[in-house]
Protein backbone atom coordinates (compact mmCIF):
# COMPACT_ATOMS: atom_id res chain seq x y z
CA MET A 1 -36.81 50.92 101.29
CA THR A 2 -35.60 49.59 97.95
CA ASN A 3 -33.40 51.58 95.55
CA ALA A 4 -35.19 51.94 92.19
CA ASN A 5 -31.91 52.32 90.29
CA THR A 6 -30.61 48.89 91.23
CA SER A 7 -30.16 46.67 87.99
CA VAL A 8 -31.30 43.06 87.73
CA THR A 9 -28.48 40.54 86.98
CA PRO A 10 -29.42 38.11 84.15
CA THR A 11 -29.67 34.48 85.17
CA PRO A 12 -27.28 31.78 83.76
CA ASN A 13 -30.26 29.83 82.40
CA GLY A 14 -31.23 32.74 80.20
CA ASP A 15 -27.75 32.99 78.65
CA ARG A 16 -27.61 29.26 78.02
CA ARG A 17 -31.01 29.32 76.38
CA ARG A 18 -29.98 32.17 74.11
CA GLN A 19 -26.80 30.34 73.10
CA MET A 20 -28.74 27.17 72.38
CA LEU A 21 -31.20 29.06 70.24
CA ILE A 22 -28.37 30.68 68.27
CA ALA A 23 -26.57 27.35 67.84
CA GLY A 24 -29.80 25.65 66.84
CA GLY A 25 -30.51 28.36 64.33
CA ILE A 26 -27.03 27.96 62.84
CA PHE A 27 -27.46 24.19 62.53
CA ILE A 28 -30.88 24.67 60.96
CA LEU A 29 -29.42 27.10 58.44
CA ILE A 30 -26.57 24.69 57.67
CA GLY A 31 -29.02 21.82 57.26
CA ALA A 32 -31.29 23.91 55.07
CA ALA A 33 -28.33 25.01 52.94
CA TRP A 34 -27.11 21.44 52.58
CA THR A 35 -30.59 20.21 51.76
CA ALA A 36 -31.05 22.96 49.18
CA HIS A 37 -27.62 22.19 47.66
CA TRP A 38 -28.40 18.49 47.50
CA ALA A 39 -31.85 19.11 46.02
CA LEU A 40 -30.61 21.56 43.41
CA VAL A 41 -27.07 20.31 42.68
CA GLY A 42 -25.78 17.42 44.75
CA ARG A 43 -28.27 14.76 43.72
CA TYR A 44 -27.34 15.33 40.07
CA HIS A 45 -23.65 14.58 40.61
CA GLU A 46 -21.67 11.48 41.55
CA ASP A 47 -18.04 11.90 42.54
CA THR A 48 -15.10 9.78 43.62
CA ASP A 49 -11.45 10.29 44.42
CA ASP A 50 -10.72 6.63 43.61
CA ALA A 51 -9.74 7.47 40.03
CA TYR A 52 -6.44 7.02 38.23
CA VAL A 53 -4.85 7.83 34.89
CA ALA A 54 -4.58 4.80 32.58
CA GLY A 55 -3.14 4.37 29.11
CA ASN A 56 -1.44 2.09 26.61
CA ILE A 57 1.92 0.65 27.57
CA VAL A 58 3.33 -0.44 24.20
CA GLN A 59 5.97 -3.11 24.68
CA VAL A 60 9.05 -3.05 22.47
CA THR A 61 9.95 -6.68 21.75
CA PRO A 62 12.32 -8.31 19.22
CA GLN A 63 11.05 -10.52 16.40
CA THR A 64 14.35 -12.34 16.04
CA ALA A 65 17.13 -13.50 18.35
CA GLY A 66 20.38 -11.60 18.56
CA THR A 67 22.97 -9.75 20.61
CA VAL A 68 22.37 -6.11 21.49
CA VAL A 69 25.06 -3.87 19.99
CA ALA A 70 23.43 -0.43 20.33
CA ILE A 71 20.66 1.28 22.34
CA TYR A 72 19.43 4.60 20.94
CA ALA A 73 16.81 5.63 23.53
CA ASP A 74 16.50 5.70 27.30
CA ASN A 75 13.79 6.37 29.89
CA THR A 76 11.92 9.72 29.68
CA GLN A 77 13.03 10.34 26.07
CA ARG A 78 10.40 11.07 23.43
CA VAL A 79 10.57 8.90 20.31
CA SER A 80 8.65 8.82 17.03
CA ALA A 81 6.99 5.87 15.33
CA GLY A 82 9.56 4.05 13.18
CA GLN A 83 12.56 5.50 15.01
CA ILE A 84 15.22 2.84 15.70
CA LEU A 85 15.49 2.12 19.42
CA ILE A 86 17.71 -0.98 19.60
CA GLU A 87 20.14 -2.59 17.17
CA LEU A 88 21.20 -6.25 17.15
CA ASP A 89 24.24 -7.89 15.61
CA ASP A 90 23.31 -8.57 11.95
CA SER A 91 26.32 -10.60 10.74
CA ASN A 92 24.46 -13.90 10.41
CA ALA A 93 21.42 -12.18 8.90
CA GLN A 94 23.60 -10.58 6.22
CA ILE A 95 25.05 -13.97 5.25
CA THR A 96 21.64 -15.61 5.14
CA LEU A 97 20.29 -12.85 2.91
CA ALA A 98 23.25 -13.13 0.52
CA GLN A 99 22.67 -16.89 0.22
CA ALA A 100 18.96 -16.39 -0.45
CA GLU A 101 19.68 -13.77 -3.12
CA ALA A 102 22.14 -16.10 -4.87
CA GLU A 103 19.66 -18.99 -4.71
CA LEU A 104 16.91 -16.84 -6.24
CA ALA A 105 19.20 -15.70 -9.08
CA HIS A 106 20.22 -19.31 -9.78
CA THR A 107 16.61 -20.47 -9.72
CA VAL A 108 15.51 -17.78 -12.17
CA ARG A 109 18.24 -18.81 -14.61
CA THR A 110 17.38 -22.51 -14.18
CA VAL A 111 13.69 -21.91 -14.84
CA ARG A 112 14.61 -19.73 -17.78
CA SER A 113 16.50 -22.73 -19.25
CA LEU A 114 13.34 -24.83 -18.88
CA PHE A 115 11.44 -22.45 -21.12
CA THR A 116 14.36 -22.41 -23.59
CA ALA A 117 14.41 -26.23 -23.64
CA ASN A 118 10.89 -26.26 -25.08
CA ASP A 119 12.20 -24.75 -28.32
CA ALA A 120 15.04 -27.25 -28.46
CA LEU A 121 12.68 -30.18 -27.88
CA ASN A 122 10.30 -28.95 -30.59
CA ALA A 123 13.23 -28.80 -33.00
CA GLN A 124 14.21 -32.32 -31.95
CA ILE A 125 10.69 -33.53 -32.70
CA ASP A 126 10.83 -31.95 -36.16
CA LEU A 127 14.16 -33.67 -36.77
CA GLN A 128 12.84 -37.04 -35.66
CA GLN A 129 9.76 -36.65 -37.85
CA THR A 130 12.04 -35.95 -40.83
CA ILE A 131 14.14 -39.03 -40.04
CA LEU A 132 11.01 -41.14 -39.71
CA SER A 133 9.61 -39.91 -43.03
CA ARG A 134 12.90 -40.68 -44.76
CA ALA A 135 13.01 -44.15 -43.15
CA LYS A 136 9.45 -44.90 -44.23
CA ALA A 137 10.14 -43.76 -47.80
CA ASP A 138 13.27 -45.90 -47.90
CA LEU A 139 11.33 -48.89 -46.59
CA ASN A 140 8.60 -48.48 -49.21
CA ARG A 141 11.16 -48.30 -51.98
CA ARG A 142 13.05 -51.35 -50.73
CA SER A 143 9.81 -53.28 -50.23
CA GLY A 144 9.05 -52.96 -53.97
CA LEU A 145 12.58 -54.04 -54.87
CA GLY A 146 12.35 -56.95 -52.45
CA LYS A 147 9.41 -58.39 -54.32
CA THR A 148 11.44 -58.53 -57.50
CA GLY A 149 14.44 -60.02 -55.70
CA ALA A 150 16.64 -57.00 -56.48
CA ILE A 151 17.71 -56.67 -52.80
CA SER A 152 18.28 -59.20 -50.10
CA TYR A 153 15.93 -59.94 -47.22
CA GLU A 154 18.53 -58.74 -44.73
CA GLU A 155 18.72 -55.30 -46.33
CA LEU A 156 14.92 -55.06 -46.24
CA HIS A 157 14.98 -56.02 -42.56
CA HIS A 158 17.42 -53.21 -41.80
CA SER A 159 15.02 -50.73 -43.37
CA GLU A 160 12.18 -52.00 -41.20
CA VAL A 161 14.36 -51.68 -38.07
CA ALA A 162 15.30 -48.14 -39.09
CA VAL A 163 11.61 -47.18 -39.28
CA LYS A 164 10.89 -48.63 -35.84
CA SER A 165 13.95 -46.89 -34.40
CA ALA A 166 12.85 -43.55 -35.87
CA GLN A 167 9.36 -44.04 -34.43
CA SER A 168 10.83 -44.73 -30.98
CA ASP A 169 13.07 -41.66 -31.16
CA LEU A 170 10.12 -39.50 -32.18
CA LEU A 171 8.04 -40.85 -29.29
CA ALA A 172 10.89 -40.19 -26.84
CA ALA A 173 11.24 -36.62 -28.13
CA ARG A 174 7.52 -36.00 -27.72
CA GLU A 175 7.56 -37.41 -24.16
CA ALA A 176 10.54 -35.23 -23.31
CA LEU A 177 8.67 -32.17 -24.58
CA ALA A 178 5.55 -33.12 -22.63
CA GLY A 179 7.59 -33.55 -19.46
CA ASN A 180 9.29 -30.18 -19.90
CA GLU A 181 6.01 -28.46 -20.75
CA ALA A 182 4.51 -29.86 -17.54
CA LEU A 183 7.12 -27.81 -15.70
CA THR A 184 6.43 -24.61 -17.63
CA GLU A 185 2.81 -24.59 -18.83
CA ASN A 186 0.37 -21.96 -17.52
CA THR A 187 3.15 -19.99 -15.90
CA ALA A 188 5.91 -17.48 -16.58
CA ILE A 189 9.46 -17.23 -15.30
CA ASP A 190 8.64 -14.79 -12.49
CA SER A 191 5.54 -16.77 -11.42
CA HIS A 192 7.11 -20.23 -11.64
CA PRO A 193 6.70 -22.22 -8.37
CA GLU A 194 10.44 -22.69 -7.94
CA VAL A 195 11.03 -18.96 -8.40
CA LEU A 196 8.25 -18.13 -5.96
CA ALA A 197 9.76 -20.46 -3.35
CA ALA A 198 13.20 -18.91 -3.75
CA ALA A 199 11.66 -15.41 -3.62
CA ALA A 200 9.92 -16.29 -0.34
CA LYS A 201 13.31 -17.21 1.15
CA VAL A 202 14.71 -13.83 0.09
CA ARG A 203 11.77 -12.04 1.72
CA ALA A 204 12.21 -14.00 4.95
CA ALA A 205 15.96 -13.35 5.01
CA TYR A 206 15.48 -9.66 4.28
CA LEU A 207 12.87 -9.31 7.03
CA ASN A 208 15.15 -11.07 9.52
CA LEU A 209 17.90 -8.61 8.61
CA GLN A 210 15.60 -5.63 9.06
CA ARG A 211 14.38 -7.01 12.39
CA THR A 212 17.86 -6.63 13.82
CA ARG A 213 16.96 -2.92 13.99
CA ILE A 214 14.02 -2.63 16.38
CA PRO A 215 11.80 0.45 15.79
CA SER A 216 9.34 2.25 18.02
CA PRO A 217 5.79 1.14 17.16
CA VAL A 218 4.22 4.49 18.13
CA ASP A 219 4.99 8.05 19.11
CA GLY A 220 5.54 8.35 22.83
CA TYR A 221 7.93 8.37 25.76
CA VAL A 222 10.35 5.58 26.65
CA SER A 223 9.86 3.86 29.97
CA LYS A 224 10.78 0.59 31.73
CA ARG A 225 14.03 0.07 29.81
CA GLY A 226 15.49 -3.26 30.87
CA VAL A 227 17.78 -4.16 27.97
CA GLN A 228 21.57 -3.84 28.26
CA LEU A 229 24.44 -3.80 25.77
CA GLY A 230 25.80 -7.24 24.94
CA GLN A 231 22.65 -8.95 26.13
CA ARG A 232 21.55 -12.00 24.16
CA ILE A 233 17.82 -11.65 23.65
CA ALA A 234 15.13 -14.02 22.39
CA PRO A 235 12.04 -13.18 20.31
CA GLY A 236 9.22 -11.75 22.39
CA LYS A 237 11.34 -10.60 25.34
CA PRO A 238 10.19 -7.14 26.62
CA LEU A 239 13.08 -4.69 26.18
CA MET A 240 11.41 -1.37 26.97
CA ALA A 241 8.03 0.31 26.75
CA VAL A 242 6.79 3.31 24.79
CA ILE A 243 3.87 5.20 26.34
CA PRO A 244 1.80 7.52 24.11
CA LEU A 245 0.71 10.15 26.65
CA ASP A 246 -1.72 11.66 24.16
CA GLN A 247 -3.88 8.52 24.39
CA VAL A 248 -4.47 8.31 28.16
CA TRP A 249 -7.87 8.03 29.82
CA ILE A 250 -9.29 7.89 33.36
CA ASP A 251 -10.51 4.79 35.18
CA ALA A 252 -12.78 6.06 37.95
CA ASN A 253 -13.88 3.40 40.45
CA PHE A 254 -17.40 4.23 41.63
CA LYS A 255 -19.28 2.40 44.37
CA GLU A 256 -22.03 0.12 43.18
CA SER A 257 -24.56 2.36 44.93
CA GLN A 258 -23.44 5.27 42.71
CA LEU A 259 -23.92 3.52 39.36
CA HIS A 260 -27.71 3.67 39.06
CA HIS A 261 -27.84 6.92 37.06
CA ILE A 262 -24.41 6.84 35.37
CA ARG A 263 -24.77 6.66 31.59
CA ILE A 264 -22.47 6.71 28.55
CA GLY A 265 -21.82 10.22 27.26
CA GLN A 266 -22.42 12.10 30.52
CA PRO A 267 -20.02 15.03 31.11
CA VAL A 268 -17.33 14.68 33.76
CA ALA A 269 -15.28 17.30 35.60
CA LEU A 270 -11.87 16.05 36.71
CA SER A 271 -8.91 17.35 38.65
CA ALA A 272 -5.49 15.83 39.15
CA ASP A 273 -3.55 15.78 42.41
CA MET A 274 -0.53 16.72 40.30
CA TYR A 275 -2.01 20.14 39.41
CA GLY A 276 -4.50 20.58 42.25
CA GLY A 277 -7.55 22.75 41.74
CA ASP A 278 -5.77 25.08 39.34
CA VAL A 279 -6.48 22.80 36.39
CA GLU A 280 -9.88 21.25 35.68
CA TYR A 281 -10.24 18.71 32.89
CA GLN A 282 -13.44 18.17 30.95
CA GLY A 283 -14.29 14.65 29.86
CA TYR A 284 -17.18 12.29 29.24
CA VAL A 285 -18.14 8.74 30.15
CA VAL A 286 -17.02 6.24 27.53
CA GLY A 287 -18.39 3.12 29.16
CA LEU A 288 -18.73 1.02 32.29
CA ASP A 289 -16.51 -2.01 32.73
CA ALA A 290 -17.98 -5.52 32.51
CA GLY A 291 -16.97 -6.47 36.04
CA THR A 292 -15.67 -5.17 39.33
CA GLY A 293 -12.01 -5.09 40.22
CA SER A 294 -12.36 -7.99 42.66
CA ALA A 295 -14.03 -10.18 40.02
CA PHE A 296 -11.02 -9.79 37.73
CA SER A 297 -8.39 -10.20 40.43
CA LEU A 298 -5.93 -13.08 40.41
CA LEU A 299 -7.78 -14.79 43.25
CA PRO A 300 -11.47 -13.80 43.03
CA PRO A 301 -13.25 -13.77 46.42
CA GLN A 302 -15.27 -16.84 47.33
CA ASN A 303 -18.25 -15.63 49.35
CA ALA A 304 -19.90 -19.02 49.87
CA THR A 305 -17.66 -19.87 52.84
CA GLY A 306 -19.85 -19.18 55.87
CA ASN A 307 -17.81 -16.27 57.20
CA TRP A 308 -18.99 -13.76 54.62
CA ILE A 309 -18.76 -10.04 55.29
CA LYS A 310 -20.32 -7.66 52.81
CA VAL A 311 -17.86 -5.29 51.17
CA VAL A 312 -19.11 -2.49 48.92
CA GLN A 313 -17.78 -3.20 45.45
CA ARG A 314 -16.46 -0.63 42.98
CA LEU A 315 -16.83 -0.71 39.20
CA PRO A 316 -14.35 0.98 36.84
CA VAL A 317 -15.91 3.69 34.69
CA ARG A 318 -13.80 4.79 31.74
CA ILE A 319 -13.67 8.53 31.09
CA ALA A 320 -12.20 10.14 27.97
CA LEU A 321 -10.34 13.46 28.21
CA ASP A 322 -10.27 16.54 26.01
CA PRO A 323 -7.14 16.18 23.80
CA LYS A 324 -6.46 19.93 23.85
CA GLN A 325 -6.54 20.07 27.64
CA LEU A 326 -4.38 16.97 27.79
CA ALA A 327 -1.80 18.53 25.47
CA ALA A 328 -1.73 21.72 27.58
CA ASN A 329 -1.46 19.85 30.89
CA PRO A 330 -0.08 16.34 30.25
CA LEU A 331 -0.76 13.51 32.66
CA ARG A 332 1.22 10.39 33.53
CA ILE A 333 -0.08 6.86 33.88
CA GLY A 334 -1.03 5.99 37.45
CA LEU A 335 -1.63 9.56 38.72
CA SER A 336 -4.52 10.10 41.15
CA MET A 337 -7.58 11.98 39.92
CA THR A 338 -10.89 13.20 41.29
CA ALA A 339 -13.92 12.71 39.05
CA GLU A 340 -17.41 14.23 39.29
CA ILE A 341 -20.05 13.03 36.83
CA ASP A 342 -23.09 15.15 35.94
CA ILE A 343 -25.98 12.63 36.04
CA SER A 344 -28.79 15.13 35.49
CA ASP A 345 -29.47 13.53 32.10
CA ASP A 346 -29.67 9.76 32.56
CA SER A 347 -31.43 8.96 29.28
CA GLY A 348 -28.31 7.44 27.72
CA ALA A 349 -27.29 3.79 27.59
CA GLN A 350 -25.42 1.89 30.28
CA LEU A 351 -23.90 -0.58 27.80
CA SER A 352 -22.17 0.33 24.57
CA GLN A 353 -23.80 -0.92 21.38
CA GLY A 354 -21.63 -3.22 19.28
CA THR A 355 -21.25 -3.06 15.51
CA ASN A 356 -20.92 -5.85 12.96
CA LYS A 357 -17.70 -4.40 11.53
CA LEU A 358 -14.97 -3.57 14.01
CA GLN A 359 -12.20 -1.14 13.20
CA ALA A 360 -8.75 -1.03 14.76
CA ALA A 361 -8.72 1.30 17.75
CA TYR A 362 -4.92 1.37 17.71
CA ALA A 363 -2.64 0.49 14.80
CA THR A 364 0.95 0.91 13.61
CA GLU A 365 2.40 0.84 10.09
CA VAL A 366 6.12 0.80 10.94
CA TYR A 367 6.46 -2.91 10.12
CA GLU A 368 4.93 -2.60 6.65
CA LEU A 369 7.91 -0.68 5.25
CA ALA A 370 10.21 -3.69 5.53
CA GLY A 371 7.74 -5.82 3.57
CA HIS A 372 7.60 -3.30 0.71
CA ALA A 373 11.40 -3.11 0.57
CA ALA A 374 11.62 -6.92 0.45
CA GLU A 375 9.28 -6.98 -2.57
CA GLU A 376 11.43 -4.40 -4.36
CA LEU A 377 14.58 -6.49 -3.72
CA VAL A 378 12.93 -9.63 -5.15
CA GLU A 379 11.83 -7.76 -8.26
CA GLN A 380 15.35 -6.42 -8.80
CA ILE A 381 16.93 -9.88 -8.58
CA ILE A 382 14.40 -11.44 -10.96
CA LYS A 383 14.77 -8.59 -13.43
CA ALA A 384 18.55 -8.89 -13.41
CA ASN A 385 18.49 -12.63 -14.20
CA ILE A 386 15.41 -13.12 -16.34
CA GLY A 387 17.04 -11.96 -19.59
CA THR A 388 16.29 -9.31 -22.19
CA PRO A 389 12.71 -8.17 -22.90
CA SER A 390 12.75 -9.84 -26.33
CA SER A 391 13.79 -13.18 -24.89
CA ILE A 392 11.15 -12.91 -22.18
CA ALA A 393 8.43 -12.33 -24.77
CA THR A 394 9.66 -15.30 -26.79
CA LEU A 395 9.70 -17.63 -23.78
CA THR A 396 6.27 -16.45 -22.64
CA ASN A 397 4.72 -17.07 -26.04
CA HIS A 398 6.05 -20.60 -26.03
């Protein structure tokens, strides 16, 4: 007789089947969620963690040779455009400038004498014309007396020689005036070729003196200082670098299979390993590089060798950052970034459109100040040696 209250023990196969069904259901839900995410969000985004901060590394280099006597900035320090970073010994430059200034002053006075000589030569011509007229009148008078025998032939001959001599002196005076006018015509003292040449030497000497004080070309932070006190440097040698951290951008290296829908102007969300997920930068695609990193390497790969293995290439995509976000959370060159591009709108261009007139993307004006100061120095020297205003007007009129 069987007890009706006896329970039936579940079989192991039933438990395993239940577990498999639960696990299968979970995987189906995960797959459905992933598929839905990809269909609604994922397929409209391309991301990479092969992205790095890039920027301008402005080299500070000398324009003249010299010995370093002072260094005013070191690594990590912020400097402003035009601020003096390095000073060279300027003893020789001072002497050269003094010689050029003296030569310009002497040249101005010499040229001034050329203009003054024109007046003297004109007066000499007037004098010679008077002498010639007197000699001709004397000859005419003596010629009449010679016909009557009142004077000797020898005295008449002397009168003829005097006329010829006066004619020769007048011709010489006119040639001298023509030669002097050839040196002064169609010009003034301050625009005379000799004055301009001497002024150019003053400008060059002044610039060489100013170049013994090496300024910062831009605002930024000093890095890579390699110059030392007492070092003899040559023009063009890198001494240090100034990095403007407000001008950095992102170079994101996307796989070639990710580039199909990437366009200029698409929005980009970025995060830096330095700040983690606490800070998210907003940027946009500026352009796609003209070649992959391997194509621009020092030794480009040669695939026509017979042992070729395909390697997925990456192309740098430049991304601009929001200046306000960059100022609030500054980045450093070389830091790692993660970039995610929204490719939902792929109607933009893949290549930037060029213009006929290019404008400077980066520029500095710190070197123009020395040129303006050199012009002022030249004007001062010429003004000090050219003479009084009345004499200048007189010389110019002649």
